[in-house]
C-alpha atoms as a PDB file:
ATOM      1  CA  MET A   1       0.000   0.000   0.000  1.00  0.00           C
ATOM      2  CA  THR A   2       1.159   3.531  -0.747  1.00  0.00           C
ATOM      3  CA  ASP A   3       2.311   5.642   2.189  1.00  0.00           C
ATOM      4  CA  ILE A   4       0.039   8.631   2.594  1.00  0.00           C
ATOM      5  CA  LEU A   5       1.734  11.536   4.316  1.00  0.00           C
ATOM      6  CA  PRO A   6      -0.577  12.932   7.015  1.00  0.00           C
ATOM      7  CA  THR A   7       0.571  16.525   6.585  1.00  0.00           C
ATOM      8  CA  ALA A   8       0.737  16.538   2.781  1.00  0.00           C
ATOM      9  CA  SER A   9      -2.120  17.821   0.653  1.00  0.00           C
ATOM     10  CA  TYR A  10      -3.710  15.582  -1.957  1.00  0.00           C
ATOM     11  CA  VAL A  11      -5.863  16.587  -4.889  1.00  0.00           C
ATOM     12  CA  ARG A  12      -7.611  14.843  -7.773  1.00  0.00           C
ATOM     13  CA  ASN A  13      -5.394  13.863 -10.663  1.00  0.00           C
ATOM     14  CA  PRO A  14      -6.502  16.122 -13.548  1.00  0.00           C
ATOM     15  CA  GLN A  15      -5.942  13.188 -15.911  1.00  0.00           C
ATOM     16  CA  GLY A  16      -8.145  10.939 -13.756  1.00  0.00           C
ATOM     17  CA  LEU A  17     -11.811  10.074 -13.973  1.00  0.00           C
ATOM     18  CA  LYS A  18     -13.893  12.150 -16.316  1.00  0.00           C
ATOM     19  CA  GLU A  19     -16.804   9.881 -17.194  1.00  0.00           C
ATOM     20  CA  SER A  20     -19.535   9.860 -14.563  1.00  0.00           C
ATOM     21  CA  ALA A  21     -20.472   6.184 -14.974  1.00  0.00           C
ATOM     22  CA  ARG A  22     -16.861   5.029 -14.782  1.00  0.00           C
ATOM     23  CA  GLN A  23     -16.258   7.316 -11.809  1.00  0.00           C
ATOM     24  CA  ASN A  24     -19.187   5.817  -9.892  1.00  0.00           C
ATOM     25  CA  ALA A  25     -18.040   2.248 -10.578  1.00  0.00           C
ATOM     26  CA  ILE A  26     -14.452   2.925  -9.513  1.00  0.00           C
ATOM     27  CA  LEU A  27     -15.493   4.821  -6.388  1.00  0.00           C
ATOM     28  CA  ALA A  28     -17.814   1.943  -5.434  1.00  0.00           C
ATOM     29  CA  SER A  29     -14.933  -0.511  -5.869  1.00  0.00           C
ATOM     30  CA  ILE A  30     -12.620   1.655  -3.767  1.00  0.00           C
ATOM     31  CA  SER A  31     -15.311   1.961  -1.087  1.00  0.00           C
ATOM     32  CA  GLU A  32     -15.494  -1.797  -0.840  1.00  0.00           C
ATOM     33  CA  GLN A  33     -11.705  -2.167  -0.622  1.00  0.00           C
ATOM     34  CA  ALA A  34     -11.457   0.561   2.023  1.00  0.00           C
ATOM     35  CA  GLU A  35     -14.491  -0.811   3.894  1.00  0.00           C
ATOM     36  CA  LEU A  36     -16.359   2.497   3.697  1.00  0.00           C
ATOM     37  CA  ASP A  37     -19.811   3.520   2.565  1.00  0.00           C
ATOM     38  CA  VAL A  38     -20.003   4.759  -1.010  1.00  0.00           C
ATOM     39  CA  GLU A  39     -21.415   8.013   0.379  1.00  0.00           C
ATOM     40  CA  GLU A  40     -18.306   8.575   2.530  1.00  0.00           C
ATOM     41  CA  THR A  41     -16.038   7.821  -0.411  1.00  0.00           C
ATOM     42  CA  THR A  42     -17.989  10.194  -2.626  1.00  0.00           C
ATOM     43  CA  GLN A  43     -17.767  12.940   0.010  1.00  0.00           C
ATOM     44  CA  VAL A  44     -13.989  12.525   0.162  1.00  0.00           C
ATOM     45  CA  TRP A  45     -13.811  12.502  -3.652  1.00  0.00           C
ATOM     46  CA  ASP A  46     -15.809  15.743  -3.784  1.00  0.00           C
ATOM     47  CA  LEU A  47     -13.482  17.390  -1.259  1.00  0.00           C
ATOM     48  CA  LEU A  48     -10.457  16.406  -3.352  1.00  0.00           C
ATOM     49  CA  GLU A  49     -11.412  18.931  -6.024  1.00  0.00           C
ATOM     50  CA  THR A  50      -9.190  21.203  -3.946  1.00  0.00           C
ATOM     51  CA  PRO A  51      -6.046  20.209  -2.003  1.00  0.00           C
ATOM     52  CA  GLN A  52      -6.831  18.399   1.261  1.00  0.00           C
ATOM     53  CA  THR A  53      -4.803  16.791   4.043  1.00  0.00           C
ATOM     54  CA  VAL A  54      -5.940  13.731   5.973  1.00  0.00           C
ATOM     55  CA  ASP A  55      -6.763  16.044   8.892  1.00  0.00           C
ATOM     56  CA  THR A  56      -8.868  18.465   6.839  1.00  0.00           C
ATOM     57  CA  ILE A  57     -10.842  15.572   5.356  1.00  0.00           C
ATOM     58  CA  CYS A  58     -11.467  14.129   8.822  1.00  0.00           C
ATOM     59  CA  ARG A  59     -12.614  17.518  10.121  1.00  0.00           C
ATOM     60  CA  SER A  60     -14.859  18.127   7.109  1.00  0.00           C
ATOM     61  CA  ILE A  61     -16.546  14.738   7.021  1.00  0.00           C
ATOM     62  CA  GLY A  62     -15.916  13.127  10.357  1.00  0.00           C
ATOM     63  CA  ALA A  63     -17.337  15.764  12.639  1.00  0.00           C
ATOM     64  CA  ASP A  64     -19.288  12.962  14.326  1.00  0.00           C
ATOM     65  CA  GLY A  65     -16.125  10.858  14.642  1.00  0.00           C
ATOM     66  CA  SER A  66     -17.274   8.152  12.230  1.00  0.00           C
ATOM     67  CA  LEU A  67     -14.465   8.654   9.720  1.00  0.00           C
ATOM     68  CA  GLY A  68     -11.119   8.517  11.508  1.00  0.00           C
ATOM     69  CA  SER A  69      -7.701   9.305  10.122  1.00  0.00           C
ATOM     70  CA  GLU A  70      -6.814   5.621   9.669  1.00  0.00           C
ATOM     71  CA  ARG A  71      -9.833   5.051   7.429  1.00  0.00           C
ATOM     72  CA  VAL A  72      -9.208   8.251   5.458  1.00  0.00           C
ATOM     73  CA  THR A  73      -5.550   7.294   5.014  1.00  0.00           C
ATOM     74  CA  HIS A  74      -6.556   3.856   3.714  1.00  0.00           C
ATOM     75  CA  LEU A  75      -9.053   5.422   1.305  1.00  0.00           C
ATOM     76  CA  LEU A  76      -6.500   7.925   0.002  1.00  0.00           C
ATOM     77  CA  ALA A  77      -3.966   5.122  -0.446  1.00  0.00           C
ATOM     78  CA  GLU A  78      -6.470   3.203  -2.577  1.00  0.00           C
ATOM     79  CA  MET A  79      -7.169   6.303  -4.673  1.00  0.00           C
ATOM     80  CA  TYR A  80      -3.464   7.071  -4.999  1.00  0.00           C
ATOM     81  CA  ALA A  81      -2.683   3.498  -6.073  1.00  0.00           C
ATOM     82  CA  LYS A  82      -5.279   3.833  -8.845  1.00  0.00           C
ATOM     83  CA  ASP A  83      -3.738   7.165  -9.933  1.00  0.00           C
ATOM     84  CA  LEU A  84      -6.936   9.064  -9.107  1.00  0.00           C
ATOM     85  CA  ILE A  85      -5.205  11.523  -6.795  1.00  0.00           C
ATOM     86  CA  GLN A  86      -1.764  13.054  -6.556  1.00  0.00           C
ATOM     87  CA  LEU A  87       0.272  15.101  -4.159  1.00  0.00           C
ATOM     88  CA  SER A  88      -0.828  18.680  -4.486  1.00  0.00           C
ATOM     89  CA  PRO A  89       1.772  20.811  -6.263  1.00  0.00           C
ATOM     90  CA  ASP A  90       1.734  23.198  -3.287  1.00  0.00           C
ATOM     91  CA  SER A  91       2.634  20.454  -0.766  1.00  0.00           C
END
């Protein structure tokens, strides 16, 4: 698994998913691998339109504590391995 740096910012790969149907299928697959709900994965994906750290994602989505940093890190690692996200150029 790819090491996700907790203080680095990640953002969608501009060469990544463009087709809505393909995006939904891949995000569903990643959700299953990361053991998350598709809704949580989609929320993270939406946030990654702009640079985000693990901490900012946790604060944005996990206000109720349901999405901890370990789960976010695993999800980002899955996305990174599939070349869907990249380190933000400003990291």
